[in-house]
C-alpha atoms as a PDB file:
ATOM      1  CA  UNK A   1     -59.183  -7.254  61.908  1.00  0.00           C
ATOM      2  CA  UNK A   2     -59.646  -8.948  58.578  1.00  0.00           C
ATOM      3  CA  UNK A   3     -56.812  -9.647  56.178  1.00  0.00           C
ATOM      4  CA  UNK A   4     -58.108  -7.020  53.717  1.00  0.00           C
ATOM      5  CA  UNK A   5     -58.239  -4.285  56.372  1.00  0.00           C
ATOM      6  CA  UNK A   6     -54.713  -5.135  57.517  1.00  0.00           C
ATOM      7  CA  UNK A   7     -53.462  -4.947  53.932  1.00  0.00           C
ATOM      8  CA  UNK A   8     -55.189  -1.585  53.406  1.00  0.00           C
ATOM      9  CA  UNK A   9     -53.657  -0.288  56.650  1.00  0.00           C
ATOM     10  CA  UNK A  10     -50.167  -1.411  55.624  1.00  0.00           C
ATOM     11  CA  UNK A  11     -50.525   0.121  52.151  1.00  0.00           C
ATOM     12  CA  UNK A  12     -51.653   3.443  53.636  1.00  0.00           C
ATOM     13  CA  UNK A  13     -48.716   3.404  56.027  1.00  0.00           C
ATOM     14  CA  UNK A  14     -46.263   2.666  53.216  1.00  0.00           C
ATOM     15  CA  UNK A  15     -47.750   5.473  51.095  1.00  0.00           C
ATOM     16  CA  UNK A  16     -47.477   7.903  54.001  1.00  0.00           C
ATOM     17  CA  UNK A  17     -43.859   6.960  54.663  1.00  0.00           C
ATOM     18  CA  UNK A  18     -43.051   7.317  50.965  1.00  0.00           C
ATOM     19  CA  UNK A  19     -44.587  10.778  50.853  1.00  0.00           C
ATOM     20  CA  UNK A  20     -42.727  11.910  53.966  1.00  0.00           C
ATOM     21  CA  UNK A  21     -39.386  10.538  52.806  1.00  0.00           C
ATOM     22  CA  UNK A  22     -39.821  12.237  49.420  1.00  0.00           C
ATOM     23  CA  UNK A  23     -39.735  15.638  51.103  1.00  0.00           C
ATOM     24  CA  UNK A  24     -36.066  15.357  52.112  1.00  0.00           C
ATOM     25  CA  UNK A  25     -33.089  16.936  50.410  1.00  0.00           C
ATOM     26  CA  UNK A  26     -33.273  17.519  46.695  1.00  0.00           C
ATOM     27  CA  UNK A  27     -31.761  14.995  44.363  1.00  0.00           C
ATOM     28  CA  UNK A  28     -29.752  15.475  41.166  1.00  0.00           C
ATOM     29  CA  UNK A  29     -32.836  15.637  38.941  1.00  0.00           C
ATOM     30  CA  UNK A  30     -34.382  18.412  41.008  1.00  0.00           C
ATOM     31  CA  UNK A  31     -31.088  20.333  41.042  1.00  0.00           C
ATOM     32  CA  UNK A  32     -30.830  19.983  37.254  1.00  0.00           C
ATOM     33  CA  UNK A  33     -34.434  21.141  36.904  1.00  0.00           C
ATOM     34  CA  UNK A  34     -33.716  24.248  38.940  1.00  0.00           C
ATOM     35  CA  UNK A  35     -30.660  25.038  36.798  1.00  0.00           C
ATOM     36  CA  UNK A  36     -32.758  24.628  33.651  1.00  0.00           C
ATOM     37  CA  UNK A  37     -35.409  26.961  35.089  1.00  0.00           C
ATOM     38  CA  UNK A  38     -32.751  29.569  35.884  1.00  0.00           C
ATOM     39  CA  UNK A  39     -31.279  29.282  32.385  1.00  0.00           C
ATOM     40  CA  UNK A  40     -34.729  29.665  30.840  1.00  0.00           C
ATOM     41  CA  UNK A  41     -35.407  32.770  32.947  1.00  0.00           C
ATOM     42  CA  UNK A  42     -32.087  34.289  31.886  1.00  0.00           C
ATOM     43  CA  UNK A  43     -32.790  33.490  28.233  1.00  0.00           C
ATOM     44  CA  UNK A  44     -36.248  35.077  28.520  1.00  0.00           C
ATOM     45  CA  UNK A  45     -34.757  38.214  30.040  1.00  0.00           C
ATOM     46  CA  UNK A  46     -32.195  38.461  27.233  1.00  0.00           C
ATOM     47  CA  UNK A  47     -34.883  37.929  24.596  1.00  0.00           C
ATOM     48  CA  UNK A  48     -36.978  40.674  26.200  1.00  0.00           C
ATOM     49  CA  UNK A  49     -33.967  42.992  26.119  1.00  0.00           C
ATOM     50  CA  UNK A  50     -33.304  42.138  22.468  1.00  0.00           C
ATOM     51  CA  UNK A  51     -36.956  42.820  21.648  1.00  0.00           C
ATOM     52  CA  UNK A  52     -36.754  46.201  23.362  1.00  0.00           C
ATOM     53  CA  UNK A  53     -33.556  47.023  21.461  1.00  0.00           C
ATOM     54  CA  UNK A  54     -35.133  45.990  18.161  1.00  0.00           C
ATOM     55  CA  UNK A  55     -38.207  48.115  18.870  1.00  0.00           C
ATOM     56  CA  UNK A  56     -36.014  51.108  19.695  1.00  0.00           C
ATOM     57  CA  UNK A  57     -34.004  50.636  16.502  1.00  0.00           C
ATOM     58  CA  UNK A  58     -37.212  50.344  14.465  1.00  0.00           C
ATOM     59  CA  UNK A  59     -38.628  53.488  16.070  1.00  0.00           C
ATOM     60  CA  UNK A  60     -35.391  55.372  15.278  1.00  0.00           C
ATOM     61  CA  UNK A  61     -35.474  54.240  11.650  1.00  0.00           C
ATOM     62  CA  UNK A  62     -39.136  55.174  11.382  1.00  0.00           C
ATOM     63  CA  UNK A  63     -38.402  58.621  12.789  1.00  0.00           C
ATOM     64  CA  UNK A  64     -35.497  59.125  10.357  1.00  0.00           C
ATOM     65  CA  UNK A  65     -37.644  57.964   7.449  1.00  0.00           C
ATOM     66  CA  UNK A  66     -40.411  60.376   8.400  1.00  0.00           C
ATOM     67  CA  UNK A  67     -37.862  63.216   8.687  1.00  0.00           C
ATOM     68  CA  UNK A  68     -36.444  62.335   5.256  1.00  0.00           C
ATOM     69  CA  UNK A  69     -39.913  62.341   3.736  1.00  0.00           C
ATOM     70  CA  UNK A  70     -40.672  65.762   5.250  1.00  0.00           C
ATOM     71  CA  UNK A  71     -37.491  67.344   3.791  1.00  0.00           C
END
């Protein structure tokens, strides 16, 4: 086996070991990322709820305005 083939073999082996070892338990950055994702989902849900509340309030005001115009 030539020197170049041996080097390619070793590099492939190192890359494979690195990929396999990266699949272990999650580190602090991944944990923080998951917490950020959860916080963003909660914020989105609250914003959706606020949007629904605002739409309901607008619809109520529109209905009252239409009733006032009819009287």
